[in-house]
Amino acid sequence: MDLACTEKITAPTYAPKDPNIFNDFRVMKHLLSDEVLYTPHTNYFQHVQTDIQPFMRKVVATWMLEVCEEQMCEDQILPLAVNLMDRFLCVCVIKRQQLQLLGATCLLIASKVRSTNILPIDLLCAYTDYSVTSEMLVSWELLVLSKLKWNIAAITGFDYIDQIIERCSWGGESSLLRRHAHTLVSICYTEPSLVQTPPSAIAAACICSAVRGLKLSSSNAATRDVCSMVSIESETLEVLVTIVDNAVDKVVPKTPEKPPKAVEGFESPQYPQPETPTEVENIYF
């Protein structure tokens, strides 16, 4: 008996969207009520960490984004990994030299939770230019899990994108809307100023920014519907949309600027250096 599998899979196949999920109001209700459990509860730059500055977090988060881009990880990996990193930094003091190790560890954990393909430990070590060893990653994985009390299935901005788009009549106006919104969510999770922003607000701002960037005719309706759906004031939403747009401007290729002055004792990621993510170059703003 020949049991060989001869089918050829040329692209990943995803399960179709379940309309029952998007038609059930309880899904959004539970997301909104539970997201507070996974939102960093303090400004750890001021009240917890003594050796970590916002720009250092920006550098490491951008490095994490590039690792995900290089390895073509699912969109949900980066937001979860950065969420784990932020929550860990709220409860455990570390040195600046350990920040990239923490980022790599959170990528490892996030890939185990939400990816079909786990990021190999050896690969993550290579991306740190071997400044991190496999033994360090394994030990820090247990440290992060214990500090977070194994509560790692966090709600992120990614989880709201489909929920909002699929529930609105304008959601199908452009096939690019979902892709752009996911890309903007990833960019937002590299921004230190948004650390304590609820994931629902991040998703709302990213969707509205994507709608306006694509110049869809339903821009006003989208703003109204999103505000109602995630219970956010229009003024607050506009502020967040401005932050999102400014974040995109920072990563879109421009004329080379003078590199910032290095801070003594902080080793920025060496492999690879931050560049513009591939997906960002495809956003038509």
C-alpha atoms as a PDB file:
ATOM      1  CA  MET A   1       0.000   0.000   0.000  1.00  0.00           C
ATOM      2  CA  ASP A   2       1.406   3.374  -1.037  1.00  0.00           C
ATOM      3  CA  LEU A   3       0.858   5.953   1.707  1.00  0.00           C
ATOM      4  CA  ALA A   4       3.010   8.661   0.159  1.00  0.00           C
ATOM      5  CA  CYS A   5       1.562  12.177   0.153  1.00  0.00           C
ATOM      6  CA  THR A   6       1.924  13.690  -3.311  1.00  0.00           C
ATOM      7  CA  GLU A   7       0.057  16.961  -2.874  1.00  0.00           C
ATOM      8  CA  LYS A   8       2.076  20.131  -3.231  1.00  0.00           C
ATOM      9  CA  ILE A   9       1.448  23.025  -0.892  1.00  0.00           C
ATOM     10  CA  THR A  10       2.697  26.252  -2.435  1.00  0.00           C
ATOM     11  CA  ALA A  11       1.291  28.687   0.127  1.00  0.00           C
ATOM     12  CA  PRO A  12       0.003  28.516   3.702  1.00  0.00           C
ATOM     13  CA  THR A  13      -3.690  27.690   3.958  1.00  0.00           C
ATOM     14  CA  TYR A  14      -5.703  29.349   6.694  1.00  0.00           C
ATOM     15  CA  ALA A  15      -9.044  28.391   8.107  1.00  0.00           C
ATOM     16  CA  PRO A  16     -11.961  30.436   6.751  1.00  0.00           C
ATOM     17  CA  LYS A  17     -13.471  33.105   8.983  1.00  0.00           C
ATOM     18  CA  ASP A  18     -16.284  31.853  11.179  1.00  0.00           C
ATOM     19  CA  PRO A  19     -19.284  34.190  10.761  1.00  0.00           C
ATOM     20  CA  ASN A  20     -20.664  33.058  14.112  1.00  0.00           C
ATOM     21  CA  ILE A  21     -17.719  34.698  15.859  1.00  0.00           C
ATOM     22  CA  PHE A  22     -18.156  38.044  14.115  1.00  0.00           C
ATOM     23  CA  ASN A  23     -21.923  38.043  14.653  1.00  0.00           C
ATOM     24  CA  ASP A  24     -21.671  37.414  18.389  1.00  0.00           C
ATOM     25  CA  PHE A  25     -21.530  40.626  20.438  1.00  0.00           C
ATOM     26  CA  ARG A  26     -20.025  38.732  23.379  1.00  0.00           C
ATOM     27  CA  VAL A  27     -16.668  38.397  21.622  1.00  0.00           C
ATOM     28  CA  MET A  28     -16.025  42.150  21.553  1.00  0.00           C
ATOM     29  CA  LYS A  29     -17.486  42.513  25.036  1.00  0.00           C
ATOM     30  CA  HIS A  30     -15.064  39.989  26.509  1.00  0.00           C
ATOM     31  CA  LEU A  31     -12.094  41.404  24.591  1.00  0.00           C
ATOM     32  CA  LEU A  32     -12.762  44.884  25.939  1.00  0.00           C
ATOM     33  CA  SER A  33     -13.327  43.700  29.501  1.00  0.00           C
ATOM     34  CA  ASP A  34     -10.255  41.449  29.588  1.00  0.00           C
ATOM     35  CA  GLU A  35      -7.714  43.667  27.829  1.00  0.00           C
ATOM     36  CA  VAL A  36      -7.029  45.591  31.034  1.00  0.00           C
ATOM     37  CA  LEU A  37      -5.439  42.426  32.442  1.00  0.00           C
ATOM     38  CA  TYR A  38      -2.774  42.515  29.741  1.00  0.00           C
ATOM     39  CA  THR A  39      -2.110  46.247  29.447  1.00  0.00           C
ATOM     40  CA  PRO A  40       1.094  47.372  31.246  1.00  0.00           C
ATOM     41  CA  HIS A  41      -0.106  48.901  34.500  1.00  0.00           C
ATOM     42  CA  THR A  42       2.701  51.401  35.055  1.00  0.00           C
ATOM     43  CA  ASN A  43       5.220  53.573  33.234  1.00  0.00           C
ATOM     44  CA  TYR A  44       8.148  51.316  33.946  1.00  0.00           C
ATOM     45  CA  PHE A  45      10.638  53.820  32.516  1.00  0.00           C
ATOM     46  CA  GLN A  46       9.884  56.120  35.452  1.00  0.00           C
ATOM     47  CA  HIS A  47       8.787  53.831  38.253  1.00  0.00           C
ATOM     48  CA  VAL A  48      10.518  50.460  37.806  1.00  0.00           C
ATOM     49  CA  GLN A  49      13.525  50.437  35.499  1.00  0.00           C
ATOM     50  CA  THR A  50      16.590  52.461  36.434  1.00  0.00           C
ATOM     51  CA  ASP A  51      18.803  51.523  33.485  1.00  0.00           C
ATOM     52  CA  ILE A  52      16.294  51.301  30.594  1.00  0.00           C
ATOM     53  CA  GLN A  53      15.343  54.327  28.516  1.00  0.00           C
ATOM     54  CA  PRO A  54      12.525  54.640  25.955  1.00  0.00           C
ATOM     55  CA  PHE A  55      14.869  54.804  22.950  1.00  0.00           C
ATOM     56  CA  MET A  56      16.467  51.517  24.012  1.00  0.00           C
ATOM     57  CA  ARG A  57      13.087  49.856  24.025  1.00  0.00           C
ATOM     58  CA  LYS A  58      12.449  51.379  20.590  1.00  0.00           C
ATOM     59  CA  VAL A  59      15.683  49.905  19.194  1.00  0.00           C
ATOM     60  CA  VAL A  60      15.009  46.415  20.543  1.00  0.00           C
ATOM     61  CA  ALA A  61      11.335  46.424  19.505  1.00  0.00           C
ATOM     62  CA  THR A  62      12.353  47.479  15.986  1.00  0.00           C
ATOM     63  CA  TRP A  63      14.880  44.645  15.937  1.00  0.00           C
ATOM     64  CA  MET A  64      12.116  42.259  16.978  1.00  0.00           C
ATOM     65  CA  LEU A  65       9.945  43.577  14.139  1.00  0.00           C
ATOM     66  CA  GLU A  66      12.718  42.933  11.630  1.00  0.00           C
ATOM     67  CA  VAL A  67      13.254  39.397  12.889  1.00  0.00           C
ATOM     68  CA  CYS A  68       9.553  38.727  12.352  1.00  0.00           C
ATOM     69  CA  GLU A  69       9.709  40.303   8.893  1.00  0.00           C
ATOM     70  CA  GLU A  70      12.787  38.292   7.905  1.00  0.00           C
ATOM     71  CA  GLN A  71      11.254  35.029   9.092  1.00  0.00           C
ATOM     72  CA  MET A  72       7.802  35.873   7.683  1.00  0.00           C
ATOM     73  CA  CYS A  73       6.154  35.232  11.035  1.00  0.00           C
ATOM     74  CA  GLU A  74       2.400  35.525  11.459  1.00  0.00           C
ATOM     75  CA  ASP A  75       1.225  39.063  12.185  1.00  0.00           C
ATOM     76  CA  GLN A  76       0.206  38.226  15.737  1.00  0.00           C
ATOM     77  CA  ILE A  77       3.714  37.229  16.881  1.00  0.00           C
ATOM     78  CA  LEU A  78       5.262  40.682  17.275  1.00  0.00           C
ATOM     79  CA  PRO A  79       2.409  42.347  19.236  1.00  0.00           C
ATOM     80  CA  LEU A  80       2.335  39.453  21.678  1.00  0.00           C
ATOM     81  CA  ALA A  81       6.125  39.377  22.059  1.00  0.00           C
ATOM     82  CA  VAL A  82       6.311  43.125  22.751  1.00  0.00           C
ATOM     83  CA  ASN A  83       3.384  42.874  25.172  1.00  0.00           C
ATOM     84  CA  LEU A  84       5.218  40.155  27.100  1.00  0.00           C
ATOM     85  CA  MET A  85       8.355  42.298  27.172  1.00  0.00           C
ATOM     86  CA  ASP A  86       6.508  45.377  28.461  1.00  0.00           C
ATOM     87  CA  ARG A  87       4.655  43.453  31.143  1.00  0.00           C
ATOM     88  CA  PHE A  88       7.877  41.805  32.278  1.00  0.00           C
ATOM     89  CA  LEU A  89       9.610  45.183  32.527  1.00  0.00           C
ATOM     90  CA  CYS A  90       6.780  46.331  34.807  1.00  0.00           C
ATOM     91  CA  VAL A  91       7.659  43.709  37.413  1.00  0.00           C
ATOM     92  CA  CYS A  92      11.359  42.918  37.044  1.00  0.00           C
ATOM     93  CA  VAL A  93      14.352  45.264  36.990  1.00  0.00           C
ATOM     94  CA  ILE A  94      17.020  44.441  34.405  1.00  0.00           C
ATOM     95  CA  LYS A  95      20.179  45.993  32.998  1.00  0.00           C
ATOM     96  CA  ARG A  96      20.303  47.619  29.585  1.00  0.00           C
ATOM     97  CA  GLN A  97      22.654  44.890  28.335  1.00  0.00           C
ATOM     98  CA  GLN A  98      19.890  42.331  28.995  1.00  0.00           C
ATOM     99  CA  LEU A  99      17.177  44.076  26.984  1.00  0.00           C
ATOM    100  CA  GLN A 100      17.891  42.324  23.686  1.00  0.00           C
ATOM    101  CA  LEU A 101      18.050  38.994  25.518  1.00  0.00           C
ATOM    102  CA  LEU A 102      14.585  39.757  26.901  1.00  0.00           C
ATOM    103  CA  GLY A 103      13.313  40.650  23.426  1.00  0.00           C
ATOM    104  CA  ALA A 104      14.627  37.402  21.947  1.00  0.00           C
ATOM    105  CA  THR A 105      13.091  35.429  24.797  1.00  0.00           C
ATOM    106  CA  CYS A 106       9.692  37.040  24.276  1.00  0.00           C
ATOM    107  CA  LEU A 107       9.861  36.265  20.554  1.00  0.00           C
ATOM    108  CA  LEU A 108      10.543  32.640  21.415  1.00  0.00           C
ATOM    109  CA  ILE A 109       7.582  32.461  23.788  1.00  0.00           C
ATOM    110  CA  ALA A 110       5.217  34.292  21.411  1.00  0.00           C
ATOM    111  CA  SER A 111       6.132  31.979  18.544  1.00  0.00           C
ATOM    112  CA  LYS A 112       5.290  28.980  20.715  1.00  0.00           C
ATOM    113  CA  VAL A 113       1.913  30.433  21.669  1.00  0.00           C
ATOM    114  CA  ARG A 114       0.667  31.876  18.389  1.00  0.00           C
ATOM    115  CA  SER A 115       2.721  30.479  15.542  1.00  0.00           C
ATOM    116  CA  THR A 116       2.569  27.262  13.562  1.00  0.00           C
ATOM    117  CA  ASN A 117       6.370  27.401  13.289  1.00  0.00           C
ATOM    118  CA  ILE A 118       8.434  28.059  16.407  1.00  0.00           C
ATOM    119  CA  LEU A 119      11.379  30.424  16.023  1.00  0.00           C
ATOM    120  CA  PRO A 120      14.440  28.189  16.627  1.00  0.00           C
ATOM    121  CA  ILE A 121      16.650  29.145  19.557  1.00  0.00           C
ATOM    122  CA  ASP A 122      19.795  28.901  17.414  1.00  0.00           C
ATOM    123  CA  LEU A 123      18.271  31.319  14.900  1.00  0.00           C
ATOM    124  CA  LEU A 124      17.433  33.859  17.596  1.00  0.00           C
ATOM    125  CA  CYS A 125      20.994  33.601  18.900  1.00  0.00           C
ATOM    126  CA  ALA A 126      22.283  34.292  15.396  1.00  0.00           C
ATOM    127  CA  TYR A 127      20.098  37.390  15.124  1.00  0.00           C
ATOM    128  CA  THR A 128      21.778  38.749  18.263  1.00  0.00           C
ATOM    129  CA  ASP A 129      25.173  38.244  16.620  1.00  0.00           C
ATOM    130  CA  TYR A 130      25.681  35.474  19.188  1.00  0.00           C
ATOM    131  CA  SER A 131      25.740  37.904  22.094  1.00  0.00           C
ATOM    132  CA  VAL A 132      23.015  35.644  23.527  1.00  0.00           C
ATOM    133  CA  THR A 133      23.522  31.927  24.074  1.00  0.00           C
ATOM    134  CA  SER A 134      20.949  29.156  23.908  1.00  0.00           C
ATOM    135  CA  GLU A 135      21.442  28.493  27.631  1.00  0.00           C
ATOM    136  CA  MET A 136      20.615  32.105  28.414  1.00  0.00           C
ATOM    137  CA  LEU A 137      17.457  31.972  26.290  1.00  0.00           C
ATOM    138  CA  VAL A 138      16.264  28.796  27.980  1.00  0.00           C
ATOM    139  CA  SER A 139      16.835  30.171  31.474  1.00  0.00           C
ATOM    140  CA  TRP A 140      15.236  33.525  30.648  1.00  0.00           C
ATOM    141  CA  GLU A 141      12.250  31.817  29.113  1.00  0.00           C
ATOM    142  CA  LEU A 142      11.490  30.293  32.499  1.00  0.00           C
ATOM    143  CA  LEU A 143      12.193  33.627  34.221  1.00  0.00           C
ATOM    144  CA  VAL A 144       9.733  35.520  31.990  1.00  0.00           C
ATOM    145  CA  LEU A 145       7.049  32.860  32.365  1.00  0.00           C
ATOM    146  CA  SER A 146       7.394  32.822  36.143  1.00  0.00           C
ATOM    147  CA  LYS A 147       7.316  36.623  36.474  1.00  0.00           C
ATOM    148  CA  LEU A 148       4.191  36.765  34.306  1.00  0.00           C
ATOM    149  CA  LYS A 149       2.706  33.841  36.253  1.00  0.00           C
ATOM    150  CA  TRP A 150       2.370  31.892  32.988  1.00  0.00           C
ATOM    151  CA  ASN A 151      -0.387  34.274  31.887  1.00  0.00           C
ATOM    152  CA  ILE A 152       0.912  34.758  28.358  1.00  0.00           C
ATOM    153  CA  ALA A 153      -2.163  34.467  26.091  1.00  0.00           C
ATOM    154  CA  ALA A 154      -2.509  38.238  26.004  1.00  0.00           C
ATOM    155  CA  ILE A 155      -5.003  40.348  24.085  1.00  0.00           C
ATOM    156  CA  THR A 156      -3.224  42.628  21.602  1.00  0.00           C
ATOM    157  CA  GLY A 157      -4.202  45.153  18.972  1.00  0.00           C
ATOM    158  CA  PHE A 158      -4.005  42.402  16.356  1.00  0.00           C
ATOM    159  CA  ASP A 159      -6.985  40.607  17.919  1.00  0.00           C
ATOM    160  CA  TYR A 160      -9.302  43.558  17.231  1.00  0.00           C
ATOM    161  CA  ILE A 161      -8.549  44.150  13.557  1.00  0.00           C
ATOM    162  CA  ASP A 162     -10.719  41.397  12.081  1.00  0.00           C
ATOM    163  CA  GLN A 163     -13.358  41.856  14.755  1.00  0.00           C
ATOM    164  CA  ILE A 164     -13.824  45.508  13.776  1.00  0.00           C
ATOM    165  CA  ILE A 165     -13.450  45.166  10.008  1.00  0.00           C
ATOM    166  CA  GLU A 166     -15.757  42.165   9.684  1.00  0.00           C
ATOM    167  CA  ARG A 167     -18.498  43.828  11.749  1.00  0.00           C
ATOM    168  CA  CYS A 168     -18.668  47.009   9.646  1.00  0.00           C
ATOM    169  CA  SER A 169     -20.274  47.510   6.242  1.00  0.00           C
ATOM    170  CA  TRP A 170     -17.224  49.396   4.943  1.00  0.00           C
ATOM    171  CA  GLY A 171     -14.854  46.589   5.946  1.00  0.00           C
ATOM    172  CA  GLY A 172     -14.863  45.100   2.456  1.00  0.00           C
ATOM    173  CA  GLU A 173     -14.380  48.374   0.599  1.00  0.00           C
ATOM    174  CA  SER A 174     -10.694  47.640   0.003  1.00  0.00           C
ATOM    175  CA  SER A 175      -8.764  44.372   0.003  1.00  0.00           C
ATOM    176  CA  LEU A 176      -5.738  46.269   1.320  1.00  0.00           C
ATOM    177  CA  LEU A 177      -7.416  47.537   4.484  1.00  0.00           C
ATOM    178  CA  ARG A 178      -6.726  44.507   6.642  1.00  0.00           C
ATOM    179  CA  ARG A 179      -3.109  44.217   5.468  1.00  0.00           C
ATOM    180  CA  HIS A 180      -2.387  47.877   6.113  1.00  0.00           C
ATOM    181  CA  ALA A 181      -4.046  47.822   9.532  1.00  0.00           C
ATOM    182  CA  HIS A 182      -1.956  44.828  10.610  1.00  0.00           C
ATOM    183  CA  THR A 183       1.223  46.545   9.447  1.00  0.00           C
ATOM    184  CA  LEU A 184       0.340  49.694  11.375  1.00  0.00           C
ATOM    185  CA  VAL A 185      -0.354  47.647  14.507  1.00  0.00           C
ATOM    186  CA  SER A 186       3.151  46.176  14.288  1.00  0.00           C
ATOM    187  CA  ILE A 187       4.658  49.652  13.940  1.00  0.00           C
ATOM    188  CA  CYS A 188       2.666  50.904  16.943  1.00  0.00           C
ATOM    189  CA  TYR A 189       4.081  48.166  19.143  1.00  0.00           C
ATOM    190  CA  THR A 190       7.568  49.554  18.553  1.00  0.00           C
ATOM    191  CA  GLU A 191       6.556  52.984  19.874  1.00  0.00           C
ATOM    192  CA  PRO A 192       7.473  53.595  23.554  1.00  0.00           C
ATOM    193  CA  SER A 193       4.798  56.307  23.870  1.00  0.00           C
ATOM    194  CA  LEU A 194       2.059  53.695  23.318  1.00  0.00           C
ATOM    195  CA  VAL A 195       3.198  51.198  25.954  1.00  0.00           C
ATOM    196  CA  GLN A 196       0.211  51.826  28.232  1.00  0.00           C
ATOM    197  CA  THR A 197      -2.331  52.392  25.464  1.00  0.00           C
ATOM    198  CA  PRO A 198      -5.116  49.757  25.469  1.00  0.00           C
ATOM    199  CA  PRO A 199      -4.900  47.377  22.491  1.00  0.00           C
ATOM    200  CA  SER A 200      -8.445  48.292  21.430  1.00  0.00           C
ATOM    201  CA  ALA A 201      -7.412  51.936  21.076  1.00  0.00           C
ATOM    202  CA  ILE A 202      -4.293  50.972  19.101  1.00  0.00           C
ATOM    203  CA  ALA A 203      -6.374  48.853  16.723  1.00  0.00           C
ATOM    204  CA  ALA A 204      -8.966  51.616  16.321  1.00  0.00           C
ATOM    205  CA  ALA A 205      -6.314  54.190  15.449  1.00  0.00           C
ATOM    206  CA  CYS A 206      -4.587  51.845  13.003  1.00  0.00           C
ATOM    207  CA  ILE A 207      -7.819  51.046  11.177  1.00  0.00           C
ATOM    208  CA  CYS A 208      -8.795  54.712  10.883  1.00  0.00           C
ATOM    209  CA  SER A 209      -5.287  55.621   9.727  1.00  0.00           C
ATOM    210  CA  ALA A 210      -5.405  52.842   7.121  1.00  0.00           C
ATOM    211  CA  VAL A 211      -8.855  53.930   5.906  1.00  0.00           C
ATOM    212  CA  ARG A 212      -7.664  57.517   5.475  1.00  0.00           C
ATOM    213  CA  GLY A 213      -4.373  56.465   3.931  1.00  0.00           C
ATOM    214  CA  LEU A 214      -6.209  54.394   1.338  1.00  0.00           C
ATOM    215  CA  LYS A 215      -8.560  57.358   0.766  1.00  0.00           C
ATOM    216  CA  LEU A 216     -11.683  55.256   1.170  1.00  0.00           C
ATOM    217  CA  SER A 217     -15.003  57.027   0.816  1.00  0.00           C
ATOM    218  CA  SER A 218     -16.191  55.675   4.167  1.00  0.00           C
ATOM    219  CA  SER A 219     -13.641  57.583   6.242  1.00  0.00           C
ATOM    220  CA  ASN A 220     -16.221  59.446   8.370  1.00  0.00           C
ATOM    221  CA  ALA A 221     -18.359  56.353   8.853  1.00  0.00           C
ATOM    222  CA  ALA A 222     -15.296  54.346   9.861  1.00  0.00           C
ATOM    223  CA  THR A 223     -14.334  56.871  12.517  1.00  0.00           C
ATOM    224  CA  ARG A 224     -17.869  56.912  13.908  1.00  0.00           C
ATOM    225  CA  ASP A 225     -18.257  53.125  13.913  1.00  0.00           C
ATOM    226  CA  VAL A 226     -14.854  52.458  15.430  1.00  0.00           C
ATOM    227  CA  CYS A 227     -15.409  54.952  18.248  1.00  0.00           C
ATOM    228  CA  SER A 228     -18.727  53.329  19.059  1.00  0.00           C
ATOM    229  CA  MET A 229     -17.417  49.782  18.852  1.00  0.00           C
ATOM    230  CA  VAL A 230     -14.415  50.165  21.183  1.00  0.00           C
ATOM    231  CA  SER A 231     -15.894  52.935  23.363  1.00  0.00           C
ATOM    232  CA  ILE A 232     -13.278  55.586  22.636  1.00  0.00           C
ATOM    233  CA  GLU A 233     -13.759  59.352  22.391  1.00  0.00           C
ATOM    234  CA  SER A 234     -13.252  60.824  18.928  1.00  0.00           C
ATOM    235  CA  GLU A 235     -10.758  63.363  20.304  1.00  0.00           C
ATOM    236  CA  THR A 236      -8.654  60.584  21.833  1.00  0.00           C
ATOM    237  CA  LEU A 237      -8.835  58.625  18.610  1.00  0.00           C
ATOM    238  CA  GLU A 238      -7.596  61.586  16.581  1.00  0.00           C
ATOM    239  CA  VAL A 239      -4.609  61.980  18.884  1.00  0.00           C
ATOM    240  CA  LEU A 240      -3.733  58.318  18.457  1.00  0.00           C
ATOM    241  CA  VAL A 241      -4.155  58.486  14.670  1.00  0.00           C
ATOM    242  CA  THR A 242      -1.664  61.369  14.628  1.00  0.00           C
ATOM    243  CA  ILE A 243       0.798  59.260  16.619  1.00  0.00           C
ATOM    244  CA  VAL A 244       0.340  56.371  14.175  1.00  0.00           C
ATOM    245  CA  ASP A 245       0.885  58.633  11.165  1.00  0.00           C
ATOM    246  CA  ASN A 246       4.017  60.113  12.728  1.00  0.00           C
ATOM    247  CA  ALA A 247       5.331  56.626  13.472  1.00  0.00           C
ATOM    248  CA  VAL A 248       4.861  55.670   9.818  1.00  0.00           C
ATOM    249  CA  ASP A 249       6.723  58.808   8.727  1.00  0.00           C
ATOM    250  CA  LYS A 250       9.690  57.736  10.842  1.00  0.00           C
ATOM    251  CA  VAL A 251      10.072  54.353   9.160  1.00  0.00           C
ATOM    252  CA  VAL A 252       9.320  55.357   5.561  1.00  0.00           C
ATOM    253  CA  PRO A 253      12.641  55.706   3.676  1.00  0.00           C
ATOM    254  CA  LYS A 254      13.983  59.238   3.697  1.00  0.00           C
ATOM    255  CA  THR A 255      17.319  60.944   3.206  1.00  0.00           C
ATOM    256  CA  PRO A 256      19.965  59.525   5.575  1.00  0.00           C
ATOM    257  CA  GLU A 257      20.171  61.255   8.902  1.00  0.00           C
ATOM    258  CA  LYS A 258      23.066  61.534  11.305  1.00  0.00           C
ATOM    259  CA  PRO A 259      22.998  58.516  13.657  1.00  0.00           C
ATOM    260  CA  PRO A 260      22.186  59.248  17.303  1.00  0.00           C
ATOM    261  CA  LYS A 261      25.002  59.434  19.780  1.00  0.00           C
ATOM    262  CA  ALA A 262      25.689  56.086  21.421  1.00  0.00           C
ATOM    263  CA  VAL A 263      24.990  55.746  25.126  1.00  0.00           C
ATOM    264  CA  GLU A 264      27.760  54.161  27.127  1.00  0.00           C
ATOM    265  CA  GLY A 265      26.923  50.652  28.293  1.00  0.00           C
ATOM    266  CA  PHE A 266      24.057  50.081  25.863  1.00  0.00           C
ATOM    267  CA  GLU A 267      24.743  47.624  23.078  1.00  0.00           C
ATOM    268  CA  SER A 268      22.226  48.023  20.288  1.00  0.00           C
ATOM    269  CA  PRO A 269      21.269  44.912  18.298  1.00  0.00           C
ATOM    270  CA  GLN A 270      23.965  43.999  15.820  1.00  0.00           C
ATOM    271  CA  TYR A 271      22.110  41.619  13.489  1.00  0.00           C
ATOM    272  CA  PRO A 272      20.558  43.078  11.488  1.00  0.00           C
ATOM    273  CA  GLN A 273      20.516  46.849  11.925  1.00  0.00           C
ATOM    274  CA  PRO A 274      17.061  48.478  11.937  1.00  0.00           C
ATOM    275  CA  GLU A 275      15.724  49.051   8.442  1.00  0.00           C
ATOM    276  CA  THR A 276      12.334  49.839   6.967  1.00  0.00           C
ATOM    277  CA  PRO A 277      10.084  46.764   7.228  1.00  0.00           C
ATOM    278  CA  THR A 278       9.052  45.373   3.865  1.00  0.00           C
ATOM    279  CA  GLU A 279       5.348  45.781   4.562  1.00  0.00           C
ATOM    280  CA  VAL A 280       5.724  49.485   5.367  1.00  0.00           C
ATOM    281  CA  GLU A 281       7.111  50.208   1.918  1.00  0.00           C
ATOM    282  CA  ASN A 282       3.878  48.888   0.422  1.00  0.00           C
ATOM    283  CA  ILE A 283       1.591  51.304   2.274  1.00  0.00           C
ATOM    284  CA  TYR A 284       0.238  53.951  -0.042  1.00  0.00           C
ATOM    285  CA  PHE A 285       0.273  57.029   2.180  1.00  0.00           C
END
